[in-house]
Protein backbone atom coordinates (compact mmCIF):
# COMPACT_ATOMS: atom_id res chain seq x y z
CA MET A 1 -13.54 -3.08 16.78
CA LEU A 2 -10.94 -5.48 18.19
CA ALA A 3 -11.25 -3.94 21.65
CA ALA A 4 -15.04 -4.03 21.58
CA MET A 5 -15.00 -7.65 20.44
CA ARG A 6 -12.76 -8.70 23.33
CA SER A 7 -14.74 -6.75 25.93
CA ASN A 8 -18.10 -8.00 24.73
CA ALA A 9 -16.87 -11.58 24.42
CA SER A 10 -15.45 -11.51 27.94
CA ILE A 11 -18.73 -10.29 29.40
CA ALA A 12 -20.95 -12.51 27.26
CA ALA A 13 -19.00 -15.63 28.29
CA LEU A 14 -19.62 -15.16 32.02
CA PRO A 15 -22.95 -17.09 32.21
CA ASN A 16 -21.19 -20.13 30.75
CA LEU A 17 -18.34 -20.04 33.23
CA ARG A 18 -19.45 -23.18 35.11
CA HIS A 19 -19.99 -25.08 31.87
CA VAL A 20 -16.46 -24.30 30.68
CA TRP A 21 -14.81 -25.03 34.04
CA PRO A 22 -17.18 -27.52 35.76
CA HIS A 23 -14.90 -27.93 38.78
CA TRP A 24 -14.46 -24.19 39.35
CA ASN A 25 -15.49 -23.28 42.91
CA ALA A 26 -16.87 -19.75 43.25
CA THR A 27 -16.17 -19.80 46.99
CA GLU A 28 -12.42 -19.87 46.31
CA GLY A 29 -11.31 -16.29 45.80
CA LEU A 30 -14.09 -14.13 44.42
CA ALA A 31 -17.70 -15.30 44.55
CA ALA A 32 -19.38 -15.62 41.15
CA PRO A 33 -21.23 -12.25 41.24
CA ASP A 34 -18.07 -10.46 42.41
CA PHE A 35 -16.02 -12.20 39.76
CA ALA A 36 -18.50 -11.17 37.04
CA ALA A 37 -18.42 -7.57 38.27
CA ALA A 38 -14.60 -7.64 38.24
CA VAL A 39 -14.58 -8.82 34.62
CA VAL A 40 -16.95 -6.01 33.59
CA ARG A 41 -14.88 -3.41 35.48
CA GLU A 42 -11.66 -4.63 33.85
CA ALA A 43 -13.19 -4.60 30.36
CA LEU A 44 -14.49 -1.06 30.81
CA ALA A 45 -11.17 0.13 32.26
CA GLN A 46 -9.21 -1.30 29.34
CA ASP A 47 -11.58 0.29 26.83
CA ALA A 48 -11.30 3.65 28.60
CA ALA A 49 -7.49 3.38 28.58
CA LEU A 50 -7.56 2.62 24.85
CA LEU A 51 -9.69 5.69 24.10
CA ALA A 52 -7.43 7.82 26.30
CA GLY A 53 -4.37 6.58 24.42
CA ILE A 54 -5.91 7.31 21.02
CA ALA A 55 -6.96 10.79 22.14
CA ALA A 56 -3.50 11.51 23.56
CA TYR A 57 -1.89 10.41 20.29
CA ARG A 58 -4.21 12.56 18.18
CA ARG A 59 -3.51 15.74 20.15
CA HIS A 60 0.25 15.24 20.46
CA PRO A 61 2.13 18.19 18.86
CA TRP A 62 5.10 16.27 17.44
CA ARG A 63 5.52 16.43 13.64
CA ARG A 64 8.37 15.12 11.52
CA ALA A 65 10.41 18.10 10.33
CA LEU A 66 13.37 16.49 8.52
CA ALA A 67 13.85 17.65 4.93
CA ASP A 68 14.58 15.14 2.17
CA LYS A 69 18.20 14.63 1.20
CA PRO A 70 19.46 15.44 -2.32
CA VAL A 71 18.20 13.22 -5.15
CA LEU A 72 20.99 11.28 -6.84
CA TRP A 73 18.81 9.44 -9.38
CA SER A 74 15.10 9.20 -10.16
CA GLU A 75 12.68 7.39 -12.43
CA GLY A 76 8.91 7.79 -12.30
CA GLU A 77 7.92 8.04 -8.65
CA THR A 78 11.17 6.46 -7.42
CA ARG A 79 14.11 8.49 -6.05
CA LEU A 80 17.56 7.62 -4.77
CA LEU A 81 18.41 9.93 -1.84
CA ASP A 82 22.00 10.71 -0.93
CA TYR A 83 22.88 10.96 2.78
CA GLY A 84 26.49 11.96 2.19
CA GLY A 85 29.45 10.76 4.18
CA THR A 86 32.64 9.01 3.15
CA GLY A 87 33.62 5.38 2.98
CA PRO A 88 31.77 2.35 1.60
CA THR A 89 28.46 3.03 -0.14
CA LEU A 90 25.41 1.50 1.52
CA PHE A 91 22.39 1.17 -0.77
CA PHE A 92 19.20 0.77 1.33
CA VAL A 93 16.09 -0.89 -0.12
CA PRO A 94 12.94 -0.50 2.03
CA SER A 95 9.55 -2.17 1.70
CA LEU A 96 7.05 -1.18 -0.97
CA VAL A 97 4.19 -0.76 1.50
CA ASN A 98 5.55 1.85 3.92
CA ARG A 99 7.33 5.16 3.62
CA ALA A 100 11.09 4.88 3.18
CA HIS A 101 11.79 7.40 5.96
CA ILE A 102 11.52 4.77 8.72
CA LEU A 103 15.29 4.64 8.14
CA ASP A 104 15.48 8.41 8.72
CA LEU A 105 12.66 8.99 11.18
CA ALA A 106 13.98 11.91 13.26
CA GLU A 107 17.24 13.60 14.20
CA ASP A 108 17.70 11.24 17.13
CA ALA A 109 16.15 8.25 15.38
CA SER A 110 17.92 7.98 12.02
CA PHE A 111 19.79 4.81 11.12
CA LEU A 112 21.10 6.52 7.95
CA ARG A 113 22.44 9.66 9.65
CA PHE A 114 24.06 7.49 12.31
CA LEU A 115 25.90 5.56 9.59
CA ALA A 116 26.81 8.67 7.57
CA ALA A 117 28.51 10.12 10.66
CA ARG A 118 30.55 6.95 11.18
CA GLY A 119 32.52 6.43 8.01
CA THR A 120 29.97 5.20 5.46
CA HIS A 121 27.99 6.74 2.60
CA PRO A 122 24.30 5.71 2.81
CA LEU A 123 21.86 5.97 -0.10
CA LEU A 124 18.13 5.40 0.31
CA LEU A 125 15.84 4.14 -2.46
CA ASP A 126 12.47 5.82 -1.91
CA TRP A 127 9.94 3.87 -4.00
CA GLY A 128 7.40 6.68 -3.75
CA TRP A 129 3.64 6.59 -4.26
CA PRO A 130 2.55 4.23 -7.06
CA GLY A 131 1.49 6.38 -10.02
CA ALA A 132 -0.22 5.32 -13.21
CA ALA A 133 2.84 3.40 -14.45
CA GLU A 134 3.70 1.75 -11.13
CA ARG A 135 0.17 0.46 -10.60
CA ARG A 136 0.81 -2.01 -13.41
CA PHE A 137 4.17 -3.15 -11.99
CA THR A 138 4.97 -6.72 -10.99
CA LEU A 139 7.82 -7.67 -8.67
CA THR A 140 9.94 -8.21 -11.79
CA ASP A 141 9.26 -4.63 -12.88
CA TYR A 142 10.41 -3.31 -9.52
CA ILE A 143 13.48 -5.55 -9.20
CA ALA A 144 14.71 -6.15 -12.76
CA GLY A 145 13.55 -2.64 -13.71
CA ARG A 146 13.70 0.14 -11.14
CA LEU A 147 16.16 -1.41 -8.68
CA ASP A 148 18.47 -2.72 -11.43
CA ARG A 149 18.62 0.70 -13.10
CA ALA A 150 19.21 2.54 -9.83
CA LEU A 151 22.18 0.27 -9.10
CA ALA A 152 23.48 0.66 -12.66
CA ALA A 153 23.40 4.46 -12.29
CA LEU A 154 26.21 4.29 -9.71
CA ASP A 155 29.88 4.19 -10.66
CA ARG A 156 30.96 2.00 -7.76
CA PRO A 157 30.05 -1.29 -6.09
CA VAL A 158 27.79 -1.06 -3.05
CA ILE A 159 26.78 -2.91 0.07
CA LEU A 160 23.13 -3.62 -0.63
CA VAL A 161 20.87 -3.47 2.45
CA GLY A 162 17.25 -4.65 2.37
CA TYR A 163 14.73 -4.17 5.15
CA CYS A 164 11.60 -6.34 5.54
CA MET A 165 10.01 -6.86 2.11
CA GLY A 166 12.88 -4.79 0.74
CA GLY A 167 15.21 -7.58 1.78
CA LEU A 168 13.56 -9.97 -0.66
CA LEU A 169 13.83 -7.37 -3.42
CA ALA A 170 17.51 -6.77 -2.54
CA LEU A 171 18.24 -10.51 -2.49
CA ALA A 172 16.78 -10.97 -5.98
CA ALA A 173 18.71 -7.94 -7.26
CA ALA A 174 21.96 -9.23 -5.72
CA LEU A 175 21.61 -12.53 -7.56
CA ARG A 176 21.03 -10.68 -10.84
CA ALA A 177 24.12 -8.45 -10.63
CA PRO A 178 26.71 -9.84 -8.19
CA ALA A 179 29.53 -7.75 -9.69
CA ARG A 180 27.88 -4.58 -8.41
CA LEU A 181 28.03 -5.71 -4.77
CA ARG A 182 30.63 -5.61 -2.00
CA GLY A 183 28.19 -7.21 0.41
CA LEU A 184 24.54 -7.85 1.20
CA ALA A 185 22.60 -7.25 4.43
CA LEU A 186 19.08 -8.57 4.94
CA LEU A 187 17.28 -7.04 7.92
CA ALA A 188 14.11 -8.70 9.27
CA THR A 189 13.59 -10.31 5.87
CA PRO A 190 11.00 -13.11 5.58
CA TRP A 191 11.80 -16.26 3.66
CA ASP A 192 9.86 -19.28 4.92
CA PHE A 193 6.36 -17.82 5.20
CA HIS A 194 5.03 -21.09 6.65
CA ALA A 195 7.77 -21.53 9.24
CA GLU A 196 5.71 -20.58 12.27
CA ASP A 197 1.99 -20.56 11.40
CA PRO A 198 1.18 -21.92 7.94
CA ALA A 199 -2.56 -21.58 8.50
CA ALA A 200 -2.29 -17.86 9.29
CA ALA A 201 -0.13 -17.29 6.20
CA ARG A 202 -2.58 -19.13 3.97
CA SER A 203 -5.49 -17.18 5.46
CA LEU A 204 -3.93 -13.97 4.12
CA ALA A 205 -3.93 -15.53 0.66
CA THR A 206 -7.60 -16.46 0.97
CA SER A 207 -8.42 -12.75 1.37
CA LEU A 208 -7.47 -12.08 -2.27
CA PRO A 209 -10.95 -12.76 -3.78
CA ILE A 210 -12.46 -10.33 -1.25
CA LEU A 211 -9.87 -7.69 -2.14
CA GLU A 212 -10.17 -8.07 -5.92
CA PRO A 213 -12.97 -5.47 -6.35
CA LEU A 214 -10.84 -2.88 -4.52
CA MET A 215 -7.78 -3.70 -6.62
CA ALA A 216 -9.77 -3.67 -9.86
CA ALA A 217 -11.17 -0.23 -9.04
CA THR A 218 -7.92 1.44 -7.93
CA GLY A 219 -5.11 -0.63 -9.47
CA THR A 220 -3.72 -1.03 -5.95
CA LEU A 221 -4.27 -2.75 -2.65
CA PRO A 222 -5.29 0.38 -0.67
CA ILE A 223 -3.67 1.50 2.57
CA ASP A 224 -6.67 0.71 4.79
CA ALA A 225 -6.83 -2.84 3.44
CA LEU A 226 -3.10 -3.28 4.07
CA GLN A 227 -3.45 -1.96 7.62
CA THR A 228 -6.26 -4.42 8.28
CA LEU A 229 -4.15 -7.35 7.00
CA PHE A 230 -1.21 -6.31 9.20
CA ALA A 231 -3.52 -6.02 12.22
CA THR A 232 -4.57 -9.66 11.81
CA LEU A 233 -0.95 -10.73 12.39
CA ASP A 234 -1.06 -9.34 15.96
CA PRO A 235 -4.72 -8.52 16.56
CA PHE A 236 -4.53 -7.26 20.13
CA GLY A 237 -1.07 -5.69 19.94
CA VAL A 238 -2.55 -2.54 18.36
CA THR A 239 -4.88 -1.86 21.27
CA ALA A 240 -2.29 -2.82 23.89
CA LYS A 241 0.25 -0.27 22.68
CA TYR A 242 -2.27 2.58 22.82
CA ARG A 243 -3.28 1.64 26.35
CA ALA A 244 0.38 1.76 27.33
CA PHE A 245 0.81 5.12 25.61
CA ALA A 246 -2.03 6.61 27.69
CA ALA A 247 0.13 6.20 30.82
CA LEU A 248 3.21 7.96 29.39
CA ASP A 249 4.30 11.53 30.02
CA PRO A 250 3.57 13.09 26.59
CA GLU A 251 6.81 15.08 26.74
CA SER A 252 8.99 12.06 27.49
CA PRO A 253 11.38 10.74 24.81
CA ARG A 254 9.50 7.43 24.76
CA ALA A 255 6.16 9.15 24.09
CA ILE A 256 7.65 11.28 21.33
CA ARG A 257 9.20 8.21 19.70
CA PHE A 258 5.85 6.41 19.91
CA VAL A 259 4.15 9.27 18.06
CA ALA A 260 6.88 9.37 15.42
CA LEU A 261 6.56 5.64 14.76
CA GLU A 262 2.76 5.69 14.73
CA ASP A 263 2.72 8.62 12.32
CA TRP A 264 4.94 6.58 10.01
CA LEU A 265 2.82 3.44 10.38
CA ASN A 266 -0.40 5.33 9.66
CA ASP A 267 1.06 7.05 6.58
CA GLY A 268 1.41 3.98 4.39
CA VAL A 269 1.66 3.48 0.64
CA PRO A 270 -0.74 1.47 -1.55
CA LEU A 271 0.65 -1.68 -3.13
CA ALA A 272 0.41 -2.20 -6.90
CA ALA A 273 -2.32 -4.79 -7.52
CA PRO A 274 -0.08 -7.23 -9.49
CA VAL A 275 2.46 -7.15 -6.64
CA ALA A 276 -0.30 -7.72 -4.07
CA ARG A 277 -1.40 -10.83 -5.96
CA GLU A 278 2.18 -12.13 -6.18
CA THR A 279 2.98 -11.54 -2.53
CA LEU A 280 -0.28 -12.61 -0.89
CA GLY A 281 -0.97 -15.50 -3.22
CA GLY A 282 2.61 -16.59 -3.91
CA TRP A 283 4.68 -15.70 -0.87
CA TYR A 284 2.05 -16.19 1.84
CA GLY A 285 -0.27 -18.69 0.18
CA GLU A 286 2.16 -20.96 -1.67
CA ASN A 287 5.38 -20.14 0.21
CA THR A 288 7.17 -19.76 -3.12
CA PRO A 289 10.47 -18.33 -1.74
CA ALA A 290 11.21 -21.21 0.64
CA ARG A 291 10.04 -23.79 -1.91
CA GLY A 292 12.42 -22.43 -4.56
CA ALA A 293 9.50 -21.47 -6.79
CA TRP A 294 9.85 -17.67 -6.74
CA ARG A 295 11.33 -16.29 -9.95
CA VAL A 296 12.19 -12.76 -11.06
CA ALA A 297 12.49 -12.18 -14.81
CA GLY A 298 12.73 -15.95 -15.17
CA LEU A 299 15.66 -16.32 -12.75
CA PRO A 300 15.12 -18.43 -9.61
CA VAL A 301 15.74 -16.50 -6.41
CA ASN A 302 18.14 -18.95 -4.80
CA PRO A 303 20.02 -17.63 -1.75
CA ALA A 304 22.40 -20.61 -1.87
CA ALA A 305 23.90 -19.04 -5.02
CA LEU A 306 25.08 -15.90 -3.18
CA ALA A 307 28.84 -15.48 -3.23
CA CYS A 308 29.25 -12.10 -1.49
CA PRO A 309 29.62 -11.48 2.28
CA THR A 310 26.12 -11.51 3.75
CA LEU A 311 24.61 -10.41 7.05
CA VAL A 312 21.16 -11.57 8.19
CA ALA A 313 19.44 -9.82 11.13
CA THR A 314 16.61 -11.79 12.75
CA PRO A 315 15.05 -9.64 15.52
CA ALA A 316 14.08 -11.85 18.44
CA ARG A 317 10.76 -10.09 19.17
CA ASP A 318 9.55 -9.65 15.60
CA ARG A 319 5.81 -10.30 15.25
CA LEU A 320 5.55 -9.29 11.61
CA VAL A 321 8.40 -11.50 10.37
CA PRO A 322 8.70 -14.42 12.80
CA PRO A 323 12.34 -15.17 13.68
CA ALA A 324 11.96 -18.70 12.27
CA SER A 325 11.02 -17.26 8.87
CA ALA A 326 14.12 -15.03 8.74
CA ALA A 327 16.35 -17.74 10.23
CA ALA A 328 15.41 -20.04 7.34
CA LEU A 329 16.91 -17.45 4.98
CA ALA A 330 20.13 -17.27 6.99
CA ALA A 331 20.41 -21.06 6.89
CA SER A 332 20.08 -20.99 3.10
CA ILE A 333 23.02 -18.60 2.54
CA PRO A 334 26.53 -20.10 2.64
CA GLY A 335 28.66 -18.46 5.33
CA ALA A 336 26.08 -15.84 6.31
CA ALA A 337 26.79 -13.85 9.46
CA VAL A 338 23.74 -13.75 11.72
CA ILE A 339 22.74 -11.35 14.47
CA ALA A 340 19.54 -11.61 16.55
CA PRO A 341 18.79 -8.14 17.97
CA ASP A 342 16.72 -8.13 21.15
CA ALA A 343 14.06 -5.95 19.54
CA GLY A 344 10.96 -6.03 17.38
CA HIS A 345 10.52 -5.55 13.65
CA ILE A 346 10.35 -1.75 13.79
CA GLY A 347 12.10 -1.23 17.13
CA MET A 348 15.28 -2.73 15.66
CA ILE A 349 15.36 0.07 13.07
CA ALA A 350 13.98 3.11 14.89
CA GLY A 351 13.11 2.18 18.47
CA MET A 352 14.71 3.52 21.63
CA SER A 353 17.08 0.53 21.74
CA ALA A 354 17.92 0.55 18.00
CA PRO A 355 21.50 1.92 18.36
CA LYS A 356 22.52 -0.95 20.62
CA ALA A 357 20.30 -3.60 19.01
CA LEU A 358 21.20 -3.06 15.35
CA TRP A 359 22.96 0.18 14.38
CA GLN A 360 26.25 -0.54 16.17
CA PRO A 361 26.47 -4.29 15.29
CA PHE A 362 25.64 -3.47 11.68
CA GLY A 363 28.31 -0.75 11.56
CA GLU A 364 30.85 -3.22 12.96
CA TRP A 365 29.97 -5.75 10.28
CA VAL A 366 30.41 -3.12 7.55
CA ALA A 367 33.76 -2.06 9.03
CA GLY A 368 34.84 -5.70 9.02
CA LEU A 369 34.37 -5.92 5.26
């Protein structure tokens, strides 16, 4: 739909070219008819490349074959997976809206296995699919309930690591139980949701009335609705990446990694309706975290109150969490160490450049503790 809209708009605008640019001279460069034909050719070529990319993705043979690690603790649909290793315990908290295995994508694309092989003991909290109980959960239920109890089940302090939305959950949990922590790492974690484009953030909140019938019927914000909301943050990035994929050798490492990441992206998890209302209306609409108005179980989530060593990673090419949003969090934490990986939101974790961009600097920070 996005591709068709751009193609059709480009072609439909041609008759008005002289009205938009009154001083444009058709004799300079292409004449007007030739220019119009070039626009049509380019639109059709881009659409054909998009379809070729989608078809190539659909027929690609790669499938994720990694088995789950042993379960150390579970409650409802939530499991704590143990990646083994020795050394400091790293407790990873992912987002609620995507599968946890982005941190363990493939043998050659696993942040957790990389860390386990280098003197640490990673654990991964897999939130799971929201069942009948979880569909009634608020953020307080997830943080002061599930996450609190998972941390309490361990007999040792941990370095708590939150990724994306999971960073906000980890931050709130860290403030609730500082004695359980040796350190805190917040990776691509949003804080000031109005830092870069307040209007775009508020527009996500205005979608809530439209989404209410879906949430009332299912108890969740469904995956397709979530995907649509994410697409609005970078509307033409989706089509551009499939056009680029069409030109890749399907057996190349880059093509295989693309398929692995797209499979993960397209295999999302619904969001409990109460959490969807809190995040879209509160975080995006009212910017409650940055305004000091976000509370969990009655406790303000105030990063200035953190007393443990903290690392904040603000990927420089993040389109989902703008660097300014994550940087505002770093600025709010006394003495926070900050790294700015030259990568995007997902590329920092599981892209081809992830080892250099994040895995190694993160490991060095852990070793320094």
